[in-house]
């Protein structure tokens, strides 16, 4: 059943608002993904603060045009395409879709809108491979803590050596 003009207008307005609020938008081809797997993917995306919407390509193009992206390449909007809007973390949608695509060969990354530009399929896959925000914070804390831990170890060994020397003297 075709959509009415009012329904299309509502979907377009929703897509425009989501594109305005989103830190990034990732496009994925989901043809052949089972309903059960697709529901699991949507739940996983929802937990991460990502909205996933399926819409007609013309509506996606119009929403992107409203946000200043004149032309989305044909390779990005090939096949049945869904758009994942990352509202909190810029790369989480790409990571989740990429990881899901490893398990389910039918899901394919198609491209993304990231930091004011349209990314190709290869660039979107590179984006998906970047460590997440929490992982980067953990690595940064480790790097800050590492010299302090080394310094602590040196001081501890010096004191332990001094105590062993005193113990050896007291036994003599």
N, C-alpha and C. Protein backbone atom coordinates (compact mmCIF):
# COMPACT_ATOMS: atom_id res chain seq x y z
N UNK A 1 0.84 -1.18 0.00
CA UNK A 1 0.00 0.00 0.00
C UNK A 1 0.89 1.24 0.00
N UNK A 2 0.70 2.12 -0.97
CA UNK A 2 1.53 3.32 -1.05
C UNK A 2 1.23 4.29 0.10
N UNK A 3 2.26 5.05 0.43
CA UNK A 3 2.12 6.04 1.50
C UNK A 3 1.38 7.27 0.98
N UNK A 4 0.61 7.88 1.86
CA UNK A 4 -0.06 9.12 1.49
C UNK A 4 0.93 10.27 1.56
N UNK A 5 0.54 11.39 1.00
CA UNK A 5 1.41 12.57 1.01
C UNK A 5 1.68 13.03 2.44
N UNK A 6 0.67 12.95 3.31
CA UNK A 6 0.83 13.35 4.71
C UNK A 6 1.83 12.44 5.43
N UNK A 7 1.75 11.14 5.15
CA UNK A 7 2.67 10.19 5.77
C UNK A 7 4.10 10.47 5.32
N UNK A 8 4.26 10.70 4.03
CA UNK A 8 5.59 11.01 3.51
C UNK A 8 6.14 12.30 4.12
N UNK A 9 5.28 13.30 4.28
CA UNK A 9 5.70 14.57 4.88
C UNK A 9 6.13 14.35 6.33
N UNK A 10 5.39 13.54 7.06
CA UNK A 10 5.74 13.23 8.45
C UNK A 10 7.07 12.50 8.54
N UNK A 11 7.28 11.52 7.67
CA UNK A 11 8.55 10.77 7.66
C UNK A 11 9.70 11.71 7.32
N UNK A 12 9.49 12.58 6.33
CA UNK A 12 10.54 13.53 5.92
C UNK A 12 10.90 14.47 7.06
N UNK A 13 9.89 15.01 7.75
CA UNK A 13 10.16 15.90 8.87
C UNK A 13 10.92 15.18 9.99
N UNK A 14 10.55 13.94 10.25
CA UNK A 14 11.23 13.13 11.26
C UNK A 14 12.69 12.90 10.87
N UNK A 15 12.92 12.57 9.59
CA UNK A 15 14.29 12.34 9.10
C UNK A 15 15.12 13.63 9.19
N UNK A 16 14.52 14.76 8.84
CA UNK A 16 15.24 16.04 8.90
C UNK A 16 15.63 16.35 10.33
N UNK A 17 14.69 16.18 11.27
CA UNK A 17 14.99 16.43 12.69
C UNK A 17 16.07 15.51 13.20
N UNK A 18 16.00 14.22 12.83
CA UNK A 18 17.02 13.28 13.28
C UNK A 18 18.39 13.62 12.70
N UNK A 19 18.44 14.06 11.44
CA UNK A 19 19.72 14.45 10.84
C UNK A 19 20.30 15.68 11.50
N UNK A 20 19.44 16.60 11.93
CA UNK A 20 19.91 17.80 12.63
C UNK A 20 20.53 17.44 13.96
N UNK A 21 19.88 16.54 14.70
CA UNK A 21 20.32 16.18 16.05
C UNK A 21 21.47 15.18 16.06
N UNK A 22 21.57 14.36 15.03
CA UNK A 22 22.54 13.26 15.02
C UNK A 22 23.97 13.77 14.86
N UNK A 23 24.88 13.08 15.55
CA UNK A 23 26.31 13.39 15.40
C UNK A 23 26.87 12.74 14.14
N UNK A 24 26.24 11.63 13.72
CA UNK A 24 26.59 10.98 12.46
C UNK A 24 25.41 10.15 11.99
N UNK A 25 25.39 9.87 10.69
CA UNK A 25 24.35 9.04 10.10
C UNK A 25 25.05 7.97 9.27
N UNK A 26 24.70 6.71 9.52
CA UNK A 26 25.32 5.60 8.79
C UNK A 26 24.23 4.90 7.99
N UNK A 27 24.51 4.65 6.71
CA UNK A 27 23.56 3.98 5.84
C UNK A 27 23.96 2.52 5.67
N UNK A 28 22.96 1.63 5.71
CA UNK A 28 23.23 0.20 5.59
C UNK A 28 22.19 -0.47 4.72
N UNK A 29 22.63 -1.41 3.91
CA UNK A 29 21.76 -2.24 3.08
C UNK A 29 21.42 -3.48 3.90
N UNK A 30 20.15 -3.72 4.14
CA UNK A 30 19.73 -4.82 5.01
C UNK A 30 18.97 -5.91 4.26
N UNK A 31 19.07 -5.92 2.94
CA UNK A 31 18.34 -6.91 2.14
C UNK A 31 18.79 -8.33 2.51
N UNK A 32 17.83 -9.18 2.84
CA UNK A 32 18.14 -10.57 3.17
C UNK A 32 18.31 -10.83 4.65
N UNK A 33 18.28 -9.80 5.48
CA UNK A 33 18.39 -9.99 6.93
C UNK A 33 17.03 -10.45 7.44
N UNK A 34 17.02 -11.52 8.23
CA UNK A 34 15.75 -12.04 8.74
C UNK A 34 15.13 -11.05 9.72
N UNK A 35 13.82 -11.16 9.89
CA UNK A 35 13.09 -10.26 10.78
C UNK A 35 13.62 -10.39 12.21
N UNK A 36 13.89 -11.62 12.63
CA UNK A 36 14.40 -11.86 13.99
C UNK A 36 15.75 -11.17 14.18
N UNK A 37 16.65 -11.34 13.23
CA UNK A 37 17.97 -10.70 13.32
C UNK A 37 17.84 -9.17 13.27
N UNK A 38 16.92 -8.69 12.42
CA UNK A 38 16.73 -7.25 12.28
C UNK A 38 16.20 -6.64 13.58
N UNK A 39 15.30 -7.35 14.25
CA UNK A 39 14.77 -6.87 15.53
C UNK A 39 15.87 -6.85 16.58
N UNK A 40 16.74 -7.87 16.58
CA UNK A 40 17.86 -7.90 17.53
C UNK A 40 18.82 -6.74 17.25
N UNK A 41 19.07 -6.46 15.99
CA UNK A 41 19.94 -5.34 15.61
C UNK A 41 19.34 -4.01 16.08
N UNK A 42 18.05 -3.81 15.85
CA UNK A 42 17.39 -2.58 16.28
C UNK A 42 17.46 -2.41 17.80
N UNK A 43 17.28 -3.52 18.53
CA UNK A 43 17.36 -3.45 20.00
C UNK A 43 18.77 -3.05 20.44
N UNK A 44 19.77 -3.63 19.80
CA UNK A 44 21.17 -3.31 20.12
C UNK A 44 21.46 -1.84 19.81
N UNK A 45 20.97 -1.35 18.69
CA UNK A 45 21.17 0.06 18.33
C UNK A 45 20.46 0.97 19.32
N UNK A 46 19.25 0.61 19.70
CA UNK A 46 18.47 1.42 20.64
C UNK A 46 19.18 1.56 21.97
N UNK A 47 19.78 0.44 22.45
CA UNK A 47 20.52 0.47 23.72
C UNK A 47 21.69 1.45 23.67
N UNK A 48 22.28 1.59 22.48
CA UNK A 48 23.45 2.47 22.32
C UNK A 48 23.05 3.92 22.00
N UNK A 49 21.76 4.22 22.01
CA UNK A 49 21.32 5.58 21.72
C UNK A 49 21.31 5.91 20.25
N UNK A 50 21.04 4.89 19.42
CA UNK A 50 21.03 5.07 17.97
C UNK A 50 19.62 4.81 17.46
N UNK A 51 19.12 5.72 16.62
CA UNK A 51 17.82 5.52 15.98
C UNK A 51 18.06 4.93 14.60
N UNK A 52 17.31 3.87 14.26
CA UNK A 52 17.44 3.25 12.94
C UNK A 52 16.11 3.39 12.23
N UNK A 53 16.14 4.00 11.06
CA UNK A 53 14.91 4.21 10.29
C UNK A 53 15.09 3.71 8.87
N UNK A 54 14.00 3.15 8.37
CA UNK A 54 13.96 2.73 6.97
C UNK A 54 12.99 3.67 6.27
N UNK A 55 13.42 4.24 5.16
CA UNK A 55 12.58 5.17 4.41
C UNK A 55 12.93 5.07 2.94
N UNK A 56 12.07 5.64 2.13
CA UNK A 56 12.34 5.68 0.69
C UNK A 56 13.59 6.52 0.44
N UNK A 57 14.32 6.14 -0.59
CA UNK A 57 15.57 6.83 -0.90
C UNK A 57 15.35 8.30 -1.23
N UNK A 58 14.22 8.61 -1.87
CA UNK A 58 13.95 10.02 -2.18
C UNK A 58 13.79 10.83 -0.91
N UNK A 59 13.16 10.25 0.10
CA UNK A 59 12.99 10.98 1.37
C UNK A 59 14.33 11.16 2.06
N UNK A 60 15.19 10.16 1.98
CA UNK A 60 16.53 10.28 2.57
C UNK A 60 17.31 11.37 1.84
N UNK A 61 17.22 11.38 0.52
CA UNK A 61 17.92 12.41 -0.27
C UNK A 61 17.40 13.81 0.06
N UNK A 62 16.08 13.95 0.18
CA UNK A 62 15.50 15.25 0.51
C UNK A 62 15.93 15.72 1.90
N UNK A 63 15.96 14.80 2.87
CA UNK A 63 16.40 15.16 4.22
C UNK A 63 17.86 15.58 4.21
N UNK A 64 18.69 14.86 3.46
CA UNK A 64 20.11 15.21 3.37
C UNK A 64 20.29 16.55 2.66
N UNK A 65 19.49 16.78 1.63
CA UNK A 65 19.57 18.05 0.90
C UNK A 65 19.20 19.21 1.82
N UNK A 66 18.22 18.99 2.69
CA UNK A 66 17.82 20.02 3.65
C UNK A 66 18.96 20.36 4.61
N UNK A 67 19.83 19.38 4.87
CA UNK A 67 20.96 19.59 5.78
C UNK A 67 22.22 20.06 5.05
N UNK A 68 22.12 20.32 3.75
CA UNK A 68 23.24 20.88 3.01
C UNK A 68 24.05 19.87 2.21
N UNK A 69 23.57 18.65 2.10
CA UNK A 69 24.27 17.63 1.30
C UNK A 69 23.52 17.49 -0.02
N UNK A 70 24.06 18.15 -1.04
CA UNK A 70 23.37 18.24 -2.32
C UNK A 70 23.13 16.88 -2.96
N UNK A 71 24.14 16.08 -3.06
CA UNK A 71 23.99 14.81 -3.77
C UNK A 71 24.67 13.68 -3.00
N UNK A 72 23.88 12.69 -2.65
CA UNK A 72 24.42 11.48 -2.03
C UNK A 72 24.75 10.52 -3.17
N UNK A 73 25.97 9.98 -3.23
CA UNK A 73 26.34 9.07 -4.32
C UNK A 73 25.41 7.86 -4.41
N UNK A 74 25.25 7.36 -5.63
CA UNK A 74 24.35 6.22 -5.88
C UNK A 74 24.78 4.98 -5.10
N UNK A 75 26.10 4.79 -4.92
CA UNK A 75 26.59 3.60 -4.20
C UNK A 75 26.15 3.60 -2.73
N UNK A 76 25.92 4.78 -2.16
CA UNK A 76 25.51 4.88 -0.77
C UNK A 76 24.06 4.45 -0.60
N UNK A 77 23.21 4.84 -1.54
CA UNK A 77 21.79 4.52 -1.44
C UNK A 77 21.41 3.42 -2.44
N UNK A 78 22.13 2.32 -2.38
CA UNK A 78 21.88 1.19 -3.27
C UNK A 78 21.17 0.09 -2.49
N UNK A 79 20.13 -0.47 -3.06
CA UNK A 79 19.38 -1.52 -2.38
C UNK A 79 18.46 -0.92 -1.33
N UNK A 80 17.77 -1.78 -0.57
CA UNK A 80 16.93 -1.25 0.51
C UNK A 80 17.83 -0.68 1.60
N UNK A 81 17.73 0.60 1.85
CA UNK A 81 18.67 1.27 2.75
C UNK A 81 17.96 1.74 4.01
N UNK A 82 18.65 1.54 5.13
CA UNK A 82 18.22 2.08 6.41
C UNK A 82 19.25 3.09 6.87
N UNK A 83 18.80 4.04 7.66
CA UNK A 83 19.70 5.08 8.18
C UNK A 83 19.76 4.97 9.69
N UNK A 84 20.98 4.88 10.22
CA UNK A 84 21.21 4.81 11.67
C UNK A 84 21.73 6.17 12.13
N UNK A 85 20.98 6.81 13.01
CA UNK A 85 21.31 8.14 13.49
C UNK A 85 21.95 8.02 14.87
N UNK A 86 23.26 8.32 14.97
CA UNK A 86 23.98 8.28 16.25
C UNK A 86 23.73 9.58 16.99
N UNK A 87 23.04 9.49 18.10
CA UNK A 87 22.68 10.68 18.84
C UNK A 87 23.70 11.03 19.93
N UNK A 88 24.46 10.03 20.42
CA UNK A 88 25.38 10.27 21.54
C UNK A 88 26.84 10.12 21.12
N UNK A 89 27.20 8.97 20.61
CA UNK A 89 28.57 8.66 20.23
C UNK A 89 28.65 8.64 18.70
N UNK A 90 29.61 9.35 18.14
CA UNK A 90 29.70 9.52 16.69
C UNK A 90 29.89 8.22 15.93
N UNK A 91 30.65 7.29 16.48
CA UNK A 91 31.01 6.10 15.71
C UNK A 91 30.29 4.82 16.13
N UNK A 92 29.46 4.89 17.16
CA UNK A 92 28.85 3.68 17.69
C UNK A 92 27.94 2.99 16.66
N UNK A 93 27.20 3.76 15.86
CA UNK A 93 26.32 3.15 14.86
C UNK A 93 27.13 2.38 13.83
N UNK A 94 28.22 2.98 13.36
CA UNK A 94 29.08 2.30 12.38
C UNK A 94 29.67 1.02 12.98
N UNK A 95 30.10 1.08 14.25
CA UNK A 95 30.69 -0.09 14.91
C UNK A 95 29.66 -1.22 15.04
N UNK A 96 28.46 -0.88 15.51
CA UNK A 96 27.44 -1.90 15.71
C UNK A 96 27.03 -2.54 14.38
N UNK A 97 26.81 -1.71 13.36
CA UNK A 97 26.41 -2.24 12.06
C UNK A 97 27.53 -3.07 11.43
N UNK A 98 28.77 -2.63 11.59
CA UNK A 98 29.91 -3.38 11.05
C UNK A 98 30.05 -4.73 11.74
N UNK A 99 29.96 -4.73 13.07
CA UNK A 99 30.06 -5.99 13.83
C UNK A 99 28.91 -6.92 13.49
N UNK A 100 27.70 -6.38 13.33
CA UNK A 100 26.56 -7.20 12.96
C UNK A 100 26.75 -7.76 11.55
N UNK A 101 27.34 -6.96 10.66
CA UNK A 101 27.61 -7.40 9.29
C UNK A 101 28.62 -8.53 9.23
N UNK A 102 29.51 -8.63 10.22
CA UNK A 102 30.46 -9.74 10.26
C UNK A 102 29.73 -11.06 10.53
N UNK A 103 28.70 -11.00 11.40
CA UNK A 103 27.94 -12.19 11.75
C UNK A 103 26.88 -12.52 10.69
N UNK A 104 26.30 -11.49 10.11
CA UNK A 104 25.23 -11.66 9.14
C UNK A 104 25.68 -11.01 7.83
N UNK A 105 26.04 -11.83 6.87
CA UNK A 105 26.63 -11.33 5.62
C UNK A 105 25.66 -10.48 4.80
N UNK A 106 24.37 -10.56 5.11
CA UNK A 106 23.38 -9.81 4.32
C UNK A 106 23.37 -8.33 4.64
N UNK A 107 23.87 -7.92 5.79
CA UNK A 107 23.91 -6.50 6.14
C UNK A 107 25.23 -5.91 5.64
N UNK A 108 25.11 -4.83 4.88
CA UNK A 108 26.31 -4.21 4.32
C UNK A 108 26.29 -2.71 4.59
N UNK A 109 27.43 -2.19 5.03
CA UNK A 109 27.56 -0.74 5.19
C UNK A 109 27.57 -0.10 3.81
N UNK A 110 26.88 1.02 3.66
CA UNK A 110 26.79 1.69 2.37
C UNK A 110 27.47 3.05 2.36
N UNK A 111 27.64 3.65 3.50
CA UNK A 111 28.25 4.98 3.56
C UNK A 111 27.78 5.68 4.82
N UNK A 112 28.19 6.93 4.97
CA UNK A 112 27.83 7.67 6.18
C UNK A 112 27.93 9.17 5.92
N UNK A 113 27.27 9.89 6.81
CA UNK A 113 27.46 11.34 6.89
C UNK A 113 28.14 11.58 8.22
N UNK A 114 29.36 12.10 8.16
CA UNK A 114 30.18 12.25 9.36
C UNK A 114 30.96 13.54 9.25
N UNK A 115 30.85 14.38 10.28
CA UNK A 115 31.55 15.65 10.36
C UNK A 115 31.40 16.49 9.09
N UNK A 116 30.17 16.61 8.61
CA UNK A 116 29.87 17.50 7.50
C UNK A 116 30.22 17.00 6.12
N UNK A 117 30.55 15.71 5.99
CA UNK A 117 30.84 15.19 4.65
C UNK A 117 30.27 13.79 4.50
N UNK A 118 30.10 13.39 3.26
CA UNK A 118 29.57 12.07 2.96
C UNK A 118 30.75 11.12 2.77
N UNK A 119 30.73 10.02 3.53
CA UNK A 119 31.81 9.04 3.45
C UNK A 119 31.45 7.90 2.50
N UNK A 120 32.47 7.36 1.84
CA UNK A 120 32.27 6.21 0.96
C UNK A 120 32.16 4.95 1.81
N UNK A 121 31.95 3.82 1.16
CA UNK A 121 31.85 2.54 1.87
C UNK A 121 33.16 2.24 2.60
N UNK A 122 34.29 2.43 1.92
CA UNK A 122 35.60 2.14 2.52
C UNK A 122 35.86 3.05 3.72
N UNK A 123 35.53 4.32 3.59
CA UNK A 123 35.74 5.25 4.70
C UNK A 123 34.83 4.92 5.88
N UNK A 124 33.63 4.45 5.59
CA UNK A 124 32.70 4.08 6.66
C UNK A 124 33.23 2.85 7.41
N UNK A 125 33.82 1.91 6.69
CA UNK A 125 34.39 0.73 7.34
C UNK A 125 35.58 1.14 8.22
N UNK A 126 36.38 2.09 7.76
CA UNK A 126 37.49 2.60 8.57
C UNK A 126 36.96 3.28 9.82
N UNK A 127 35.88 4.02 9.69
CA UNK A 127 35.25 4.68 10.83
C UNK A 127 34.79 3.64 11.84
N UNK A 128 34.26 2.53 11.35
CA UNK A 128 33.76 1.46 12.24
C UNK A 128 34.89 0.79 13.01
N UNK A 129 36.10 0.84 12.49
CA UNK A 129 37.23 0.17 13.13
C UNK A 129 37.94 1.05 14.17
N UNK A 130 37.58 2.31 14.25
CA UNK A 130 38.16 3.21 15.25
C UNK A 130 37.68 2.76 16.63
N UNK A 131 38.57 2.73 17.61
CA UNK A 131 38.11 2.35 18.96
C UNK A 131 37.05 3.32 19.48
N UNK A 132 36.15 2.81 20.30
CA UNK A 132 35.08 3.62 20.86
C UNK A 132 35.58 4.62 21.88
N UNK A 133 34.71 5.52 22.27
CA UNK A 133 35.04 6.59 23.20
C UNK A 133 35.53 6.03 24.53
N UNK A 134 34.82 5.04 25.08
CA UNK A 134 35.21 4.46 26.37
C UNK A 134 36.57 3.78 26.28
N UNK A 135 36.81 3.07 25.18
CA UNK A 135 38.10 2.39 24.99
C UNK A 135 39.24 3.40 24.89
N UNK A 136 39.02 4.50 24.18
CA UNK A 136 40.05 5.53 24.05
C UNK A 136 40.33 6.21 25.39
N UNK A 137 39.29 6.44 26.18
CA UNK A 137 39.48 7.03 27.51
C UNK A 137 40.28 6.07 28.38
N UNK A 138 39.97 4.78 28.31
CA UNK A 138 40.73 3.77 29.07
C UNK A 138 42.20 3.74 28.69
N UNK A 139 42.48 3.81 27.39
CA UNK A 139 43.87 3.82 26.92
C UNK A 139 44.59 5.09 27.39
N UNK A 140 43.89 6.21 27.37
CA UNK A 140 44.48 7.47 27.82
C UNK A 140 44.83 7.40 29.31
N UNK A 141 43.91 6.87 30.11
CA UNK A 141 44.16 6.74 31.55
C UNK A 141 45.34 5.81 31.80
N UNK A 142 45.43 4.72 31.03
CA UNK A 142 46.56 3.80 31.17
C UNK A 142 47.87 4.52 30.86
N UNK A 143 47.87 5.32 29.80
CA UNK A 143 49.10 6.05 29.45
C UNK A 143 49.50 7.05 30.54
N UNK A 144 48.53 7.68 31.15
CA UNK A 144 48.83 8.62 32.24
C UNK A 144 49.34 7.87 33.46
N UNK A 145 48.72 6.73 33.75
CA UNK A 145 49.05 5.96 34.95
C UNK A 145 50.37 5.20 34.81
N UNK A 146 50.75 4.85 33.61
CA UNK A 146 51.93 4.01 33.38
C UNK A 146 53.22 4.59 33.99
N UNK A 147 53.58 5.84 33.76
CA UNK A 147 54.82 6.36 34.36
C UNK A 147 54.76 6.38 35.89
N UNK A 148 53.58 6.67 36.42
CA UNK A 148 53.43 6.69 37.88
C UNK A 148 53.64 5.29 38.45
N UNK A 149 53.08 4.28 37.76
CA UNK A 149 53.26 2.90 38.21
C UNK A 149 54.73 2.49 38.16
N UNK A 150 55.41 2.90 37.09
CA UNK A 150 56.83 2.59 36.98
C UNK A 150 57.64 3.25 38.08
N UNK A 151 57.35 4.50 38.37
CA UNK A 151 58.02 5.22 39.43
C UNK A 151 57.75 4.56 40.77
N UNK A 152 56.51 4.14 41.00
CA UNK A 152 56.15 3.44 42.23
C UNK A 152 56.94 2.14 42.36
N UNK A 153 57.08 1.42 41.25
CA UNK A 153 57.83 0.16 41.27
C UNK A 153 59.30 0.38 41.62
N UNK A 154 59.91 1.42 41.07
CA UNK A 154 61.32 1.72 41.35
C UNK A 154 61.49 2.05 42.84
N UNK A 155 60.63 2.92 43.36
CA UNK A 155 60.72 3.28 44.78
C UNK A 155 60.49 2.07 45.68
N UNK A 156 59.53 1.24 45.32
CA UNK A 156 59.21 0.06 46.12
C UNK A 156 60.39 -0.91 46.14
N UNK A 157 61.01 -1.13 44.98
CA UNK A 157 62.16 -2.04 44.92
C UNK A 157 63.35 -1.48 45.71
N UNK A 158 63.54 -0.17 45.68
CA UNK A 158 64.64 0.44 46.43
C UNK A 158 64.43 0.23 47.93
N UNK A 159 63.21 0.49 48.39
CA UNK A 159 62.90 0.30 49.80
C UNK A 159 62.98 -1.18 50.20
N UNK A 160 62.49 -2.06 49.33
CA UNK A 160 62.53 -3.49 49.63
C UNK A 160 63.98 -3.96 49.70
N UNK A 161 64.84 -3.44 48.82
CA UNK A 161 66.26 -3.79 48.86
C UNK A 161 66.91 -3.32 50.15
N UNK A 162 66.55 -2.13 50.57
CA UNK A 162 67.08 -1.58 51.82
C UNK A 162 66.65 -2.44 53.01
N UNK A 163 65.39 -2.86 53.04
CA UNK A 163 64.88 -3.72 54.11
C UNK A 163 65.58 -5.07 54.10
N UNK A 164 65.82 -5.65 52.93
CA UNK A 164 66.52 -6.94 52.84
C UNK A 164 67.96 -6.80 53.36
N UNK A 165 68.60 -5.66 53.01
CA UNK A 165 69.96 -5.43 53.49
C UNK A 165 69.98 -5.31 55.00
N UNK A 166 69.04 -4.59 55.61
CA UNK A 166 68.95 -4.48 57.06
C UNK A 166 68.69 -5.84 57.70
N UNK A 167 67.83 -6.62 57.05
CA UNK A 167 67.53 -7.97 57.58
C UNK A 167 68.77 -8.85 57.54
N UNK A 168 69.55 -8.76 56.49
CA UNK A 168 70.78 -9.56 56.39
C UNK A 168 71.78 -9.13 57.45
N UNK A 169 71.90 -7.83 57.71
CA UNK A 169 72.82 -7.33 58.73
C UNK A 169 72.38 -7.80 60.11
N UNK A 170 71.07 -7.75 60.37
CA UNK A 170 70.59 -8.17 61.72
C UNK A 170 70.80 -9.67 61.93
N UNK A 171 70.78 -10.49 60.89
CA UNK A 171 71.00 -11.94 61.04
C UNK A 171 72.47 -12.24 61.28
N UNK A 172 73.39 -11.38 60.82
CA UNK A 172 74.81 -11.60 61.05
C UNK A 172 75.10 -11.27 62.47
